Amino acid sequence: MPASPTVPQNLAPPAQTAPALVAVVKASRSAIVSAAIFSLFLNLLMLVPSLYMLQVYDRVLSTGSVPTLLMLTLITVFLFIVFGGLEWLRAQILIVASMRFDAMLGAVIHDAIFTRSLATGGRRANAQPLDDLDRVRQFVTGQGLFALLDAPWVPLYVGMMFLFHPWMGIAAIASMLILTGLTIWNELATRQLLQDANRFSMAANQHTAAHLRNVEVIAAMGMLPRLRERWISERGAALAAQHQASGRAGLIAALSKTYRMTSQSLVLGLGAYLAIKREISPGMVIAGSILLGRALAPIDQLIANWRSLSAARQGFARLSELLTAHPEADECMPLPAVKGEYKLEKVVITPAGARAPIINELTMRIAAGTQLGVIGPSAAGKSTLLRALLGLHLPVSGSLRLDGAELGQYDRATLGSAIGYLPQDVELLEGSIAENIARFGEIDAEAVVKAARRAGVHEMVLALPDGYATRLEGNFTLSAGQRQRVGLARAMYGDPAVIILDEPNSNLDEAGNAALQQALTELKSIGSTVIIVTHRSKVLDQVDRVLLLVEGKLSLYGTREQVASALQQAGAARGAHPIRPSEVFA
């Protein structure tokens, strides 16, 4: 008898699978078991053509009874209709299971991609896991899974052939073993090539995405031909591996199909021989050939759909790796509203990909409502410090607290709404100006205009074709200065308790600088904590305190006057502090 329905091994979660994948597999198990039970009845109904032929040859033709033929035909047609209904229901069950799979994992994988990109400093910024999710989902509703579900019931057909004659059963087992050997050969011959092809293709796509982000630099300096050659080389490696794998898989599939057709004909010959010897009836000759074809069909389908099966298995393994490395964050207990006080104690920050700490043993306190200017030479760790204060880089040692709580204790979305951030390179997202300023949340028109006025960008937005409804997509773009001012408005939207500005005036004209000064004055009045990285800027004229970073360490920290005085006293000893007062303070 066939084994009881089980979850196909290729869909069962491997050891140490991510909890999210374990949960979705458990949720899908009942659907797959139901589909397997449907497969039992479908495979029982698959016996109908053989039994019909058996009765026609052994009863109808020998007796010449037309009523018997009519009754057999009506019963067969009815069973075929039942078969079609069960086949449709099985497909619907798996479609629902695949949609549930996507619904349960889509958002989790989406967030895990961003978490991984953040953890790796953007080096693994690609949407490949979403393609992997699609591959697994499509496999669940494809012929490959149907073949896996039908395979456990193959003993039904082999058993029937043994009932006809032992030699026919032996022929069926021999044919199955040979086709199984071809399946194993297919796996061994193509697995590594398919993995290589996928790896080369992912690398080529990732490099192309990086090139597109730097299209102006590439075009301006004539780098496109060389980058094209590199892409062709990477793409060629992927295509070569894919071609070799497809060639091997095609050869094995052709051998499989040829052998299957040959074996069915040979079984007909064997049946004819046994019928001549009066060991089986003529009906069993035809029925045996049909049964063998049905017994070999799941194996043949597995070979034909091996690429989709292999792609789904590899995709599932990559999803497991992603979600194991970047699991869903535990739900954080709500904390009081952020006030904006930072305390750093011997903080060491080593960003992803860095070989040595960028921030070393940094200890300081930033009181709520303080406006802090961060200065220092290039590569001093200023931007790294800002990202740490944002919670994007967690300390490898030491303590970094906001209002007494480690940043990791805050819910990311809640913390984000209490923080405004303006990076050095401002990229606005596809959507309207209003959506960008409102951070793609529910648009509060009054708050949007308020933030735009503070950033000095309100009049500029009104001059755009559709004002705040102007969409940033297609061929419509803003200048670097306009993007920076819209980004500044986004940072100040909703009066966040903490605002962090990384070179906020690098692309601003005189009017933009004046608007920035006015914005800082207003932020001071509402008590926001403001942290600014800047070079040689009058922005420092109104900050409360100044931090001088040198090689990731606190060199000076105090009021503007204290830091200026200390730098002045250093005099010509530039080695002590590689920034002169005149370079920073007007």
Protein backbone atom coordinates (compact mmCIF):
# COMPACT_ATOMS: atom_id res chain seq x y z
CA MET A 1 0.00 0.00 0.00
CA PRO A 2 1.22 3.56 -0.59
CA ALA A 3 2.70 5.51 2.25
CA SER A 4 0.50 7.93 4.14
CA PRO A 5 0.49 11.54 2.92
CA THR A 6 3.42 13.56 4.16
CA VAL A 7 4.84 17.00 3.48
CA PRO A 8 7.20 16.70 0.48
CA GLN A 9 10.79 16.68 1.64
CA ASN A 10 11.70 19.61 -0.58
CA LEU A 11 9.23 21.81 1.28
CA ALA A 12 10.07 20.68 4.78
CA PRO A 13 12.13 23.25 6.71
CA PRO A 14 15.81 22.36 7.11
CA ALA A 15 17.53 22.29 10.46
CA GLN A 16 17.76 25.64 12.20
CA THR A 17 15.30 27.21 9.80
CA ALA A 18 14.21 30.75 10.62
CA PRO A 19 11.12 30.84 12.89
CA ALA A 20 9.15 32.77 10.26
CA LEU A 21 9.71 30.00 7.73
CA VAL A 22 8.89 27.31 10.29
CA ALA A 23 5.60 29.09 11.01
CA VAL A 24 4.63 29.39 7.35
CA VAL A 25 5.51 25.74 6.63
CA LYS A 26 3.38 24.65 9.60
CA ALA A 27 0.54 26.83 8.37
CA SER A 28 0.85 25.32 4.89
CA ARG A 29 1.16 21.72 6.07
CA SER A 30 -2.57 21.13 6.37
CA ALA A 31 -3.10 22.39 2.81
CA ILE A 32 -0.35 20.15 1.45
CA VAL A 33 -1.67 17.14 3.37
CA SER A 34 -5.14 17.86 1.98
CA ALA A 35 -3.67 18.10 -1.51
CA ALA A 36 -1.90 14.76 -0.93
CA ILE A 37 -5.19 13.14 0.10
CA PHE A 38 -6.80 14.54 -3.04
CA SER A 39 -3.85 13.02 -4.92
CA LEU A 40 -4.76 9.60 -3.53
CA PHE A 41 -8.26 9.78 -4.99
CA LEU A 42 -6.97 11.29 -8.21
CA ASN A 43 -4.50 8.45 -8.63
CA LEU A 44 -7.22 5.91 -7.88
CA LEU A 45 -9.27 7.52 -10.63
CA MET A 46 -6.22 7.32 -12.89
CA LEU A 47 -6.82 3.57 -12.89
CA VAL A 48 -10.09 4.15 -14.77
CA PRO A 49 -8.59 4.25 -18.32
CA SER A 50 -6.75 0.97 -17.72
CA LEU A 51 -9.80 -0.72 -16.22
CA TYR A 52 -11.98 0.62 -19.03
CA MET A 53 -9.65 -0.78 -21.68
CA LEU A 54 -9.42 -4.06 -19.78
CA GLN A 55 -13.21 -4.45 -19.72
CA VAL A 56 -13.64 -3.39 -23.34
CA TYR A 57 -11.12 -5.91 -24.65
CA ASP A 58 -11.99 -8.79 -22.32
CA ARG A 59 -15.78 -8.43 -22.04
CA VAL A 60 -17.26 -6.17 -24.68
CA LEU A 61 -15.30 -7.48 -27.66
CA SER A 62 -15.69 -11.10 -26.61
CA THR A 63 -19.46 -10.81 -26.00
CA GLY A 64 -20.34 -8.10 -28.52
CA SER A 65 -22.61 -6.48 -25.92
CA VAL A 66 -23.39 -2.86 -26.90
CA PRO A 67 -25.34 -2.16 -23.65
CA THR A 68 -22.32 -3.25 -21.64
CA LEU A 69 -20.10 -0.92 -23.69
CA LEU A 70 -22.56 1.96 -23.22
CA MET A 71 -22.78 1.44 -19.46
CA LEU A 72 -18.98 1.17 -19.11
CA THR A 73 -18.54 4.34 -21.18
CA LEU A 74 -21.08 6.32 -19.10
CA ILE A 75 -19.44 5.25 -15.85
CA THR A 76 -16.02 6.14 -17.23
CA VAL A 77 -17.16 9.60 -18.38
CA PHE A 78 -18.74 10.25 -14.98
CA LEU A 79 -15.51 9.25 -13.20
CA PHE A 80 -13.50 11.49 -15.52
CA ILE A 81 -15.78 14.41 -14.58
CA VAL A 82 -15.18 13.63 -10.91
CA PHE A 83 -11.46 13.47 -11.68
CA GLY A 84 -11.56 16.93 -13.27
CA GLY A 85 -13.38 18.38 -10.27
CA LEU A 86 -10.89 16.89 -7.80
CA GLU A 87 -7.96 18.10 -9.92
CA TRP A 88 -9.41 21.63 -9.87
CA LEU A 89 -9.97 21.48 -6.11
CA ARG A 90 -6.39 20.30 -5.52
CA ALA A 91 -5.06 23.18 -7.61
CA GLN A 92 -7.22 25.67 -5.68
CA ILE A 93 -5.96 24.34 -2.34
CA LEU A 94 -2.36 24.86 -3.43
CA ILE A 95 -3.10 28.31 -4.86
CA VAL A 96 -4.56 29.36 -1.50
CA ALA A 97 -1.51 27.85 0.24
CA SER A 98 0.84 29.80 -2.02
CA MET A 99 -1.05 33.06 -1.38
CA ARG A 100 -0.89 32.40 2.37
CA PHE A 101 2.84 31.70 2.00
CA ASP A 102 3.29 35.07 0.32
CA ALA A 103 1.04 36.90 2.77
CA MET A 104 2.87 35.53 5.82
CA LEU A 105 6.38 36.04 4.47
CA GLY A 106 6.18 39.00 2.09
CA ALA A 107 6.38 41.77 4.68
CA VAL A 108 8.90 39.83 6.80
CA ILE A 109 11.24 39.33 3.84
CA HIS A 110 10.77 42.94 2.72
CA ASP A 111 11.89 44.18 6.14
CA ALA A 112 14.72 41.64 6.33
CA ILE A 113 16.11 42.95 3.02
CA PHE A 114 16.31 46.45 4.47
CA THR A 115 17.81 45.15 7.70
CA ARG A 116 20.48 43.24 5.80
CA SER A 117 21.25 46.22 3.59
CA LEU A 118 21.58 48.40 6.67
CA ALA A 119 23.76 45.86 8.47
CA THR A 120 26.09 45.49 5.47
CA GLY A 121 26.37 49.18 4.70
CA GLY A 122 24.36 48.74 1.48
CA ARG A 123 26.77 46.20 -0.02
CA ARG A 124 24.01 43.58 -0.27
CA ALA A 125 21.27 45.95 -1.34
CA ASN A 126 19.19 43.87 -3.75
CA ALA A 127 15.69 42.48 -3.99
CA GLN A 128 16.76 38.90 -4.83
CA PRO A 129 14.87 37.45 -1.80
CA LEU A 130 11.60 38.74 -3.24
CA ASP A 131 12.37 36.85 -6.46
CA ASP A 132 13.13 33.79 -4.32
CA LEU A 133 9.75 34.17 -2.65
CA ASP A 134 8.08 34.24 -6.08
CA ARG A 135 9.97 31.12 -7.16
CA VAL A 136 8.84 29.16 -4.10
CA ARG A 137 5.27 30.42 -4.44
CA GLN A 138 5.15 29.52 -8.14
CA PHE A 139 6.56 26.06 -7.45
CA VAL A 140 3.77 25.39 -4.95
CA THR A 141 1.22 25.84 -7.76
CA GLY A 142 3.26 24.22 -10.54
CA GLN A 143 3.57 20.78 -12.06
CA GLY A 144 6.69 20.01 -10.04
CA LEU A 145 4.78 19.88 -6.75
CA PHE A 146 1.96 17.88 -8.39
CA ALA A 147 4.58 15.32 -9.44
CA LEU A 148 5.89 15.15 -5.85
CA LEU A 149 2.35 14.64 -4.54
CA ASP A 150 1.62 11.93 -7.11
CA ALA A 151 4.89 10.05 -6.57
CA PRO A 152 3.84 8.29 -3.29
CA TRP A 153 0.93 6.65 -5.10
CA VAL A 154 3.02 5.05 -7.86
CA PRO A 155 2.97 1.68 -5.98
CA LEU A 156 -0.75 1.51 -6.85
CA TYR A 157 0.06 1.13 -10.55
CA VAL A 158 3.00 -1.18 -9.95
CA GLY A 159 0.82 -3.36 -7.71
CA MET A 160 -1.83 -3.60 -10.43
CA MET A 161 0.83 -4.68 -12.93
CA PHE A 162 2.00 -7.40 -10.54
CA LEU A 163 -1.62 -8.59 -10.34
CA PHE A 164 -1.62 -8.87 -14.13
CA HIS A 165 1.66 -10.83 -14.19
CA PRO A 166 4.89 -10.80 -12.10
CA TRP A 167 7.01 -10.08 -15.18
CA MET A 168 4.99 -6.96 -15.94
CA GLY A 169 5.49 -5.75 -12.37
CA ILE A 170 9.21 -6.42 -12.58
CA ALA A 171 9.38 -4.51 -15.88
CA ALA A 172 7.64 -1.55 -14.21
CA ILE A 173 10.08 -1.54 -11.27
CA ALA A 174 13.07 -1.77 -13.63
CA SER A 175 11.75 1.16 -15.67
CA MET A 176 11.19 3.24 -12.52
CA LEU A 177 14.69 2.52 -11.23
CA ILE A 178 16.24 3.64 -14.52
CA LEU A 179 14.19 6.85 -14.59
CA THR A 180 15.05 7.47 -10.92
CA GLY A 181 18.71 7.07 -11.84
CA LEU A 182 18.24 9.68 -14.57
CA THR A 183 16.65 12.03 -12.01
CA ILE A 184 19.60 11.65 -9.65
CA TRP A 185 21.98 12.18 -12.55
CA ASN A 186 20.07 15.35 -13.46
CA GLU A 187 20.48 16.66 -9.91
CA LEU A 188 24.20 15.90 -9.71
CA ALA A 189 24.90 17.22 -13.19
CA THR A 190 23.09 20.56 -12.86
CA ARG A 191 23.05 21.56 -9.18
CA GLN A 192 26.42 23.31 -9.01
CA LEU A 193 26.03 24.89 -12.45
CA LEU A 194 22.64 26.35 -11.54
CA GLN A 195 24.04 27.73 -8.29
CA ASP A 196 26.95 29.31 -10.18
CA ALA A 197 24.63 30.78 -12.80
CA ASN A 198 22.43 32.30 -10.13
CA ARG A 199 25.43 33.72 -8.25
CA PHE A 200 26.93 35.29 -11.39
CA SER A 201 23.57 36.72 -12.43
CA MET A 202 22.95 38.24 -8.99
CA ALA A 203 26.42 39.84 -9.01
CA ALA A 204 25.88 41.30 -12.49
CA ASN A 205 22.47 42.73 -11.54
CA GLN A 206 23.81 44.18 -8.31
CA HIS A 207 26.70 45.89 -10.10
CA THR A 208 24.33 47.27 -12.74
CA ALA A 209 22.07 48.71 -10.03
CA ALA A 210 25.11 50.42 -8.47
CA HIS A 211 26.11 51.80 -11.88
CA LEU A 212 22.62 53.21 -12.44
CA ARG A 213 22.83 55.06 -9.13
CA ASN A 214 25.99 56.73 -10.42
CA VAL A 215 24.90 57.25 -14.01
CA GLU A 216 25.97 60.90 -14.21
CA VAL A 217 29.52 60.20 -13.05
CA ILE A 218 29.77 57.24 -15.44
CA ALA A 219 28.52 59.25 -18.42
CA ALA A 220 30.59 62.34 -17.60
CA MET A 221 33.88 60.45 -17.42
CA GLY A 222 33.28 58.03 -20.29
CA MET A 223 33.23 54.94 -18.10
CA LEU A 224 30.25 53.26 -19.80
CA PRO A 225 32.15 51.16 -22.39
CA ARG A 226 34.44 49.64 -19.73
CA LEU A 227 31.55 48.98 -17.37
CA ARG A 228 29.61 47.47 -20.25
CA GLU A 229 32.49 45.09 -20.93
CA ARG A 230 32.56 44.11 -17.25
CA TRP A 231 28.80 43.50 -17.31
CA ILE A 232 29.11 41.42 -20.49
CA SER A 233 31.83 39.35 -18.81
CA GLU A 234 29.74 38.73 -15.67
CA ARG A 235 26.60 38.11 -17.68
CA GLY A 236 28.53 35.79 -20.00
CA ALA A 237 29.69 33.72 -17.03
CA ALA A 238 26.08 33.38 -15.85
CA LEU A 239 24.84 32.49 -19.33
CA ALA A 240 27.66 29.98 -19.83
CA ALA A 241 26.79 28.16 -16.60
CA GLN A 242 23.08 28.36 -17.43
CA HIS A 243 23.71 27.07 -20.96
CA GLN A 244 25.77 24.16 -19.69
CA ALA A 245 23.17 23.27 -17.06
CA SER A 246 20.33 23.55 -19.59
CA GLY A 247 22.26 21.43 -22.05
CA ARG A 248 22.79 18.66 -19.53
CA ALA A 249 19.21 18.87 -18.28
CA GLY A 250 17.91 18.82 -21.86
CA LEU A 251 19.98 15.74 -22.70
CA ILE A 252 18.72 13.90 -19.62
CA ALA A 253 15.14 14.97 -20.32
CA ALA A 254 15.44 13.69 -23.89
CA LEU A 255 16.86 10.37 -22.66
CA SER A 256 14.07 10.16 -20.10
CA LYS A 257 11.35 10.78 -22.66
CA THR A 258 12.94 8.36 -25.13
CA TYR A 259 13.27 5.65 -22.52
CA ARG A 260 9.72 6.18 -21.30
CA MET A 261 8.28 5.76 -24.81
CA THR A 262 10.54 2.77 -25.44
CA SER A 263 9.63 1.08 -22.16
CA GLN A 264 5.91 1.46 -22.84
CA SER A 265 6.35 -0.17 -26.24
CA LEU A 266 8.48 -2.94 -24.74
CA VAL A 267 5.82 -3.61 -22.13
CA LEU A 268 3.31 -3.92 -24.96
CA GLY A 269 5.63 -6.47 -26.56
CA LEU A 270 6.05 -8.30 -23.26
CA GLY A 271 2.28 -8.31 -22.78
CA ALA A 272 1.74 -9.62 -26.27
CA TYR A 273 4.20 -12.44 -25.63
CA LEU A 274 2.46 -13.33 -22.35
CA ALA A 275 -0.93 -13.19 -24.09
CA ILE A 276 0.35 -15.54 -26.81
CA LYS A 277 1.43 -17.89 -24.03
CA ARG A 278 -2.11 -17.59 -22.60
CA GLU A 279 -0.72 -16.20 -19.30
CA ILE A 280 -2.66 -12.90 -19.48
CA SER A 281 -5.71 -11.68 -21.37
CA PRO A 282 -5.50 -9.30 -24.39
CA GLY A 283 -7.05 -6.50 -22.30
CA MET A 284 -4.21 -6.74 -19.83
CA VAL A 285 -1.73 -6.00 -22.63
CA ILE A 286 -3.22 -2.55 -23.30
CA ALA A 287 -4.04 -1.87 -19.63
CA GLY A 288 -0.49 -2.75 -18.59
CA SER A 289 1.00 -0.27 -21.04
CA ILE A 290 -1.32 2.48 -19.75
CA LEU A 291 -0.47 1.65 -16.14
CA LEU A 292 3.26 1.80 -16.85
CA GLY A 293 2.89 5.19 -18.49
CA ARG A 294 1.01 6.43 -15.45
CA ALA A 295 3.61 4.98 -13.03
CA LEU A 296 6.47 6.69 -14.87
CA ALA A 297 4.65 10.04 -15.32
CA PRO A 298 5.57 11.58 -11.90
CA ILE A 299 9.25 10.75 -12.37
CA ASP A 300 9.18 12.10 -15.92
CA GLN A 301 7.49 15.30 -14.71
CA LEU A 302 10.12 15.73 -11.99
CA ILE A 303 12.85 15.59 -14.60
CA ALA A 304 11.00 18.05 -16.85
CA ASN A 305 10.41 20.47 -13.96
CA TRP A 306 13.76 19.99 -12.31
CA ARG A 307 14.89 23.55 -12.92
CA SER A 308 11.86 25.01 -11.15
CA LEU A 309 12.26 22.50 -8.32
CA SER A 310 15.95 23.33 -7.98
CA ALA A 311 15.27 27.08 -8.15
CA ALA A 312 12.56 26.79 -5.47
CA ARG A 313 14.83 24.74 -3.22
CA GLN A 314 17.74 27.16 -3.58
CA GLY A 315 15.40 30.12 -3.08
CA PHE A 316 13.99 28.52 0.07
CA ALA A 317 17.52 27.96 1.39
CA ARG A 318 18.46 31.60 0.70
CA LEU A 319 15.28 32.83 2.40
CA SER A 320 16.09 30.66 5.39
CA GLU A 321 19.60 32.10 5.50
CA LEU A 322 18.27 35.67 5.24
CA LEU A 323 15.59 35.28 7.90
CA THR A 324 17.92 33.37 10.23
CA ALA A 325 20.52 36.13 10.02
CA HIS A 326 17.92 38.91 10.21
CA PRO A 327 14.86 37.63 12.10
CA GLU A 328 11.82 39.67 12.92
CA ALA A 329 12.52 42.13 15.70
CA ASP A 330 10.84 41.34 18.98
CA GLU A 331 8.01 43.65 19.84
CA CYS A 332 9.35 46.44 22.01
CA MET A 333 7.56 47.72 25.07
CA PRO A 334 6.31 51.28 24.44
CA LEU A 335 8.60 53.86 26.01
CA PRO A 336 7.81 57.45 26.98
CA ALA A 337 7.97 60.12 24.29
CA VAL A 338 11.53 60.94 23.28
CA LYS A 339 12.96 64.09 24.87
CA GLY A 340 16.35 64.01 23.17
CA GLU A 341 19.07 63.41 25.78
CA TYR A 342 21.99 61.24 24.67
CA LYS A 343 24.57 59.59 26.92
CA LEU A 344 27.57 57.82 25.43
CA GLU A 345 29.93 55.80 27.61
CA LYS A 346 33.08 54.35 26.04
CA VAL A 347 31.24 53.77 22.78
CA VAL A 348 33.10 51.81 20.09
CA ILE A 349 31.55 51.70 16.61
CA THR A 350 32.80 49.39 13.86
CA PRO A 351 30.49 49.67 10.81
CA ALA A 352 29.92 46.66 8.58
CA GLY A 353 32.93 46.11 6.33
CA ALA A 354 35.29 48.20 8.45
CA ARG A 355 38.44 46.46 9.64
CA ALA A 356 38.96 48.71 12.64
CA PRO A 357 36.71 50.83 14.88
CA ILE A 358 35.72 54.20 13.43
CA ILE A 359 34.56 55.57 16.80
CA ASN A 360 36.88 54.77 19.72
CA GLU A 361 35.97 54.92 23.41
CA LEU A 362 33.71 57.96 22.99
CA THR A 363 32.16 59.29 26.22
CA MET A 364 29.94 62.36 26.24
CA ARG A 365 26.50 63.70 27.15
CA ILE A 366 24.17 65.71 24.94
CA ALA A 367 21.43 67.35 27.00
CA ALA A 368 17.91 67.55 25.59
CA GLY A 369 17.38 70.74 23.62
CA THR A 370 21.10 71.19 22.91
CA GLN A 371 22.32 72.27 19.51
CA LEU A 372 25.62 70.47 18.91
CA GLY A 373 28.06 71.10 16.10
CA VAL A 374 30.32 68.18 15.16
CA ILE A 375 33.57 69.10 13.39
CA GLY A 376 36.75 67.30 12.49
CA PRO A 377 38.99 66.41 9.58
CA SER A 378 37.95 64.01 6.81
CA ALA A 379 37.53 60.39 7.94
CA ALA A 380 37.34 61.47 11.58
CA GLY A 381 34.13 59.44 12.08
CA LYS A 382 31.60 62.29 12.04
CA SER A 383 29.04 60.62 9.78
CA THR A 384 29.55 57.31 11.58
CA LEU A 385 28.75 59.03 14.88
CA LEU A 386 25.54 60.47 13.42
CA ARG A 387 24.44 57.05 12.19
CA ALA A 388 25.14 55.62 15.63
CA LEU A 389 22.98 58.34 17.23
CA LEU A 390 20.25 57.38 14.75
CA GLY A 391 20.51 53.74 15.84
CA LEU A 392 21.79 52.61 12.43
CA HIS A 393 25.16 51.49 13.83
CA LEU A 394 24.98 49.72 17.19
CA PRO A 395 28.06 49.87 19.45
CA VAL A 396 30.29 46.80 19.54
CA SER A 397 31.10 47.85 23.11
CA GLY A 398 30.11 50.63 25.44
CA SER A 399 26.71 52.16 26.02
CA LEU A 400 24.71 54.56 23.84
CA ARG A 401 21.46 55.69 25.45
CA LEU A 402 18.65 58.01 24.45
CA ASP A 403 16.64 59.27 27.42
CA GLY A 404 18.23 56.53 29.50
CA ALA A 405 17.28 53.63 27.20
CA GLU A 406 19.56 51.79 24.81
CA LEU A 407 18.55 52.58 21.25
CA GLY A 408 17.84 48.90 20.62
CA GLN A 409 15.02 49.05 23.19
CA TYR A 410 13.00 51.44 20.99
CA ASP A 411 10.57 50.31 18.34
CA ARG A 412 12.21 51.38 15.06
CA ALA A 413 9.09 53.02 13.62
CA THR A 414 8.31 54.85 16.87
CA LEU A 415 11.89 56.06 17.22
CA GLY A 416 11.94 57.15 13.58
CA SER A 417 8.92 59.39 14.04
CA ALA A 418 10.76 61.18 16.87
CA ILE A 419 13.90 61.76 14.78
CA GLY A 420 14.59 63.93 11.76
CA TYR A 421 17.58 63.07 9.58
CA LEU A 422 19.17 64.84 6.64
CA PRO A 423 21.98 62.77 5.06
CA GLN A 424 24.80 64.20 2.98
CA ASP A 425 23.36 62.80 -0.24
CA VAL A 426 19.63 63.41 -0.31
CA GLU A 427 17.56 61.04 -2.44
CA LEU A 428 13.83 61.62 -2.55
CA LEU A 429 11.52 58.68 -3.21
CA GLU A 430 8.98 58.28 -5.99
CA GLY A 431 5.83 60.06 -4.94
CA SER A 432 4.62 63.59 -4.44
CA ILE A 433 6.51 66.40 -2.70
CA ALA A 434 3.91 66.27 0.08
CA GLU A 435 4.35 62.50 0.51
CA ASN A 436 8.12 62.88 0.74
CA ILE A 437 7.90 65.63 3.34
CA ALA A 438 5.28 63.66 5.32
CA ARG A 439 7.55 60.57 5.19
CA PHE A 440 4.86 58.67 3.25
CA GLY A 441 2.55 58.60 6.24
CA GLU A 442 -0.87 60.18 6.47
CA ILE A 443 -0.42 63.69 5.10
CA ASP A 444 -1.10 66.49 7.56
CA ALA A 445 -1.28 69.44 5.15
CA GLU A 446 -0.70 72.00 7.89
CA ALA A 447 2.38 70.16 9.21
CA VAL A 448 3.74 69.72 5.66
CA VAL A 449 3.49 73.43 4.89
CA LYS A 450 4.94 74.28 8.31
CA ALA A 451 7.99 72.10 7.71
CA ALA A 452 8.39 73.46 4.17
CA ARG A 453 8.28 77.04 5.43
CA ARG A 454 10.93 76.27 8.05
CA ALA A 455 13.18 74.81 5.37
CA GLY A 456 12.56 77.83 3.15
CA VAL A 457 11.18 75.66 0.40
CA HIS A 458 7.48 76.58 0.47
CA GLU A 459 7.66 79.19 -2.31
CA MET A 460 9.80 76.89 -4.45
CA VAL A 461 7.28 74.08 -4.11
CA LEU A 462 4.38 76.38 -5.03
CA ALA A 463 6.25 77.29 -8.23
CA LEU A 464 6.38 73.63 -9.33
CA PRO A 465 3.84 72.40 -11.92
CA ASP A 466 1.48 70.83 -9.37
CA GLY A 467 2.75 72.39 -6.17
CA TYR A 468 2.90 69.94 -3.29
CA ALA A 469 1.20 67.32 -5.49
CA THR A 470 4.13 67.38 -7.95
CA ARG A 471 5.34 63.83 -8.35
CA LEU A 472 9.05 63.01 -8.30
CA GLU A 473 9.17 60.31 -10.94
CA GLY A 474 9.88 59.79 -14.58
CA ASN A 475 11.85 62.60 -16.17
CA PHE A 476 10.96 65.16 -13.48
CA THR A 477 13.86 65.87 -11.13
CA LEU A 478 14.91 68.52 -8.66
CA SER A 479 18.31 70.15 -8.41
CA ALA A 480 20.69 69.09 -5.65
CA GLY A 481 19.92 72.24 -3.67
CA GLN A 482 16.15 71.74 -4.06
CA ARG A 483 16.41 68.12 -2.97
CA GLN A 484 18.42 69.16 0.07
CA ARG A 485 15.84 71.73 1.12
CA VAL A 486 12.95 69.29 0.63
CA GLY A 487 15.00 66.75 2.62
CA LEU A 488 15.44 69.36 5.36
CA ALA A 489 11.67 69.90 5.42
CA ARG A 490 11.21 66.13 5.70
CA ALA A 491 13.64 66.03 8.63
CA MET A 492 11.71 68.76 10.47
CA TYR A 493 8.23 67.37 9.71
CA GLY A 494 6.19 66.79 12.85
CA ASP A 495 8.54 68.70 15.21
CA PRO A 496 10.76 65.69 16.04
CA ALA A 497 12.57 65.70 19.39
CA VAL A 498 15.92 64.99 17.71
CA ILE A 499 17.13 66.38 14.39
CA ILE A 500 20.42 65.18 12.90
CA LEU A 501 21.87 67.08 9.95
CA ASP A 502 24.87 65.83 7.98
CA GLU A 503 26.35 68.75 6.01
CA PRO A 504 22.92 70.41 5.70
CA ASN A 505 24.17 73.36 3.65
CA SER A 506 26.52 71.60 1.24
CA ASN A 507 24.25 72.44 -1.73
CA LEU A 508 22.46 75.54 -0.41
CA ASP A 509 22.70 79.00 -1.88
CA GLU A 510 22.61 82.19 0.17
CA ALA A 511 18.82 82.07 0.53
CA GLY A 512 19.00 78.42 1.56
CA ASN A 513 21.63 79.18 4.20
CA ALA A 514 19.47 81.96 5.59
CA ALA A 515 16.50 79.58 5.75
CA LEU A 516 18.66 77.00 7.55
CA GLN A 517 19.75 79.60 10.13
CA GLN A 518 16.12 80.58 10.70
CA ALA A 519 15.10 76.92 11.01
CA LEU A 520 17.76 76.30 13.66
CA THR A 521 16.48 79.30 15.61
CA GLU A 522 12.92 77.92 15.53
CA LEU A 523 14.09 74.45 16.50
CA LYS A 524 15.89 76.00 19.45
CA SER A 525 12.69 77.68 20.55
CA ILE A 526 10.70 74.41 20.56
CA GLY A 527 13.44 72.52 22.42
CA SER A 528 14.54 70.03 19.74
CA THR A 529 17.95 68.44 20.14
CA VAL A 530 19.90 69.33 16.99
CA ILE A 531 23.17 67.67 15.98
CA ILE A 532 24.96 69.09 12.94
CA VAL A 533 28.03 67.93 11.07
CA THR A 534 29.53 70.83 9.17
CA HIS A 535 32.74 72.24 7.70
CA ARG A 536 33.73 75.90 7.82
CA SER A 537 30.20 77.13 8.26
CA LYS A 538 28.52 80.00 10.04
CA VAL A 539 25.98 77.42 11.20
CA LEU A 540 28.24 77.05 14.24
CA ASP A 541 27.52 80.64 15.23
CA GLN A 542 24.41 79.60 17.14
CA VAL A 543 25.18 76.10 18.40
CA ASP A 544 25.43 75.53 22.15
CA ARG A 545 28.30 73.09 22.08
CA VAL A 546 30.95 71.87 19.67
CA LEU A 547 32.51 68.40 19.42
CA LEU A 548 35.85 67.99 17.67
CA LEU A 549 36.48 64.43 16.51
CA VAL A 550 39.96 63.32 15.49
CA GLU A 551 40.49 59.70 14.35
CA GLY A 552 37.25 58.66 15.97
CA LYS A 553 38.13 60.04 19.37
CA LEU A 554 36.87 63.01 21.33
CA SER A 555 39.53 65.68 20.97
CA LEU A 556 37.60 68.69 22.26
CA TYR A 557 34.08 69.11 23.61
CA GLY A 558 32.56 72.21 25.10
CA THR A 559 30.89 75.48 24.26
CA ARG A 560 31.70 77.19 21.02
CA GLU A 561 33.90 79.65 22.85
CA GLN A 562 35.74 76.93 24.80
CA VAL A 563 36.54 74.92 21.69
CA ALA A 564 37.61 78.01 19.76
CA SER A 565 39.85 79.07 22.63
CA ALA A 566 41.44 75.62 22.92
CA LEU A 567 42.15 75.57 19.20
CA GLN A 568 43.59 79.06 19.41
CA GLN A 569 45.89 78.03 22.23
CA ALA A 570 47.10 75.10 20.16
CA GLY A 571 48.51 77.77 17.85
CA ALA A 572 50.73 76.55 15.07
CA ALA A 573 50.91 73.03 16.48
CA ARG A 574 48.68 71.75 13.70
CA GLY A 575 49.56 68.15 14.47
CA ALA A 576 47.71 68.39 17.77
CA HIS A 577 44.46 69.55 16.15
CA PRO A 578 44.31 69.35 12.38
CA ILE A 579 41.70 72.09 12.18
CA ARG A 580 42.50 75.76 12.72
CA PRO A 581 39.92 78.07 14.36
CA SER A 582 39.79 80.14 11.19
CA GLU A 583 38.68 77.10 9.21
CA VAL A 584 35.62 76.61 11.39
CA PHE A 585 34.73 79.71 13.29
CA ALA A 586 34.03 82.97 11.50
